Protein backbone atom coordinates (compact mmCIF):
# COMPACT_ATOMS: atom_id res chain seq x y z
CA UNK A 1 11.25 19.34 -13.22
CA UNK A 2 8.31 19.59 -11.94
CA UNK A 3 6.14 16.36 -12.69
CA UNK A 4 2.22 15.98 -12.48
CA UNK A 5 1.17 12.84 -10.42
CA UNK A 6 -2.34 11.66 -11.46
CA UNK A 7 -4.67 12.30 -8.96
CA UNK A 8 -7.17 9.84 -9.77
CA UNK A 9 -6.55 5.72 -9.11
CA UNK A 10 -8.79 3.10 -10.56
CA UNK A 11 -11.17 1.58 -7.87
CA UNK A 12 -12.56 -2.06 -7.95
CA UNK A 13 -15.30 -4.02 -9.59
CA UNK A 14 -17.99 -3.38 -6.53
CA UNK A 15 -16.91 -1.03 -4.41
CA UNK A 16 -15.80 2.72 -5.07
CA UNK A 17 -12.45 3.88 -3.95
CA UNK A 18 -12.61 6.01 -0.32
CA UNK A 19 -11.13 9.04 -0.11
CA UNK A 20 -8.52 7.80 2.62
CA UNK A 21 -7.60 4.99 0.76
CA UNK A 22 -6.96 6.85 -2.41
CA UNK A 23 -5.00 9.45 -0.85
CA UNK A 24 -2.90 7.00 1.06
CA UNK A 25 -2.08 5.45 -2.05
CA UNK A 26 -1.33 8.41 -3.99
CA UNK A 27 1.11 9.68 -1.49
CA UNK A 28 2.76 6.02 -1.54
CA UNK A 29 4.70 5.87 -4.41
CA UNK A 30 5.65 2.14 -4.09
CA UNK A 31 2.10 0.86 -3.38
CA UNK A 32 0.65 2.99 -6.38
CA UNK A 33 2.65 1.06 -8.59
CA UNK A 34 1.47 -2.20 -7.37
CA UNK A 35 -2.11 -0.63 -7.44
CA UNK A 36 -1.73 0.23 -11.24
CA UNK A 37 -0.42 -2.89 -11.97
CA UNK A 38 -3.01 -5.26 -10.35
CA UNK A 39 -6.54 -6.23 -11.47
CA UNK A 40 -9.72 -4.68 -10.70
CA UNK A 41 -11.18 -7.86 -8.75
CA UNK A 42 -7.89 -7.36 -6.47
CA UNK A 43 -8.30 -3.94 -6.20
CA UNK A 44 -11.99 -4.58 -5.07
CA UNK A 45 -10.56 -7.06 -2.53
CA UNK A 46 -8.25 -4.52 -0.62
CA UNK A 47 -10.94 -1.75 -0.56
CA UNK A 48 -13.34 -4.19 0.97
CA UNK A 49 -10.56 -5.21 3.46
CA UNK A 50 -9.92 -1.36 4.29
CA UNK A 51 -13.41 -0.40 4.35
CA UNK A 52 -15.02 -3.57 6.56
CA UNK A 53 -13.42 -2.44 9.83
CA UNK A 54 -15.91 -1.32 11.73
CA UNK A 55 -13.92 1.31 14.02
CA UNK A 56 -11.96 4.05 12.83
CA UNK A 57 -8.70 2.88 14.84
CA UNK A 58 -9.04 -0.54 12.76
CA UNK A 59 -9.38 1.46 9.19
CA UNK A 60 -6.68 3.42 9.91
CA UNK A 61 -4.28 -0.10 10.77
CA UNK A 62 -5.81 -1.20 7.99
CA UNK A 63 -4.74 1.68 5.56
CA UNK A 64 -1.15 1.82 7.32
CA UNK A 65 -0.45 -2.01 6.97
CA UNK A 66 -2.23 -1.84 3.03
CA UNK A 67 0.28 0.46 2.08
CA UNK A 68 3.36 -1.67 3.87
CA UNK A 69 2.26 -4.69 2.20
CA UNK A 70 1.65 -3.18 -1.57
CA UNK A 71 4.73 -1.32 -1.00
CA UNK A 72 6.18 -4.96 -0.34
CA UNK A 73 4.78 -6.50 -3.50
CA UNK A 74 1.80 -8.30 -1.91
CA UNK A 75 -1.08 -8.00 -4.64
CA UNK A 76 -4.02 -9.09 -2.30
CA UNK A 77 -4.91 -8.68 1.31
CA UNK A 78 -3.27 -12.01 3.24
CA UNK A 79 -5.21 -13.84 5.76
CA UNK A 80 -8.49 -12.76 4.54
CA UNK A 81 -11.49 -14.64 3.12
CA UNK A 82 -12.14 -12.10 0.60
CA UNK A 83 -14.82 -9.78 -0.60
CA UNK A 84 -18.19 -10.79 -0.35
CA UNK A 85 -19.34 -8.95 -2.71
CA UNK A 86 -18.27 -9.83 -5.77
């Protein structure tokens, strides 16, 4: 049976969902399940955390860590002051 996967996911309260983070979440079912269950403010903090890295390497590391943490059930980025844009 061929199941359709919803390709668009919700963003945050302030930040738009970046393409690389969206693709990574869509490709990771456990992370996607948590993402769909968290609040818009929590999604906003994840987006800000991922995109606030100044270097491409930092962003890629944060995407991998974020997927791992979301997949493990973490609902907000840990050890981070939070989004300054809220």
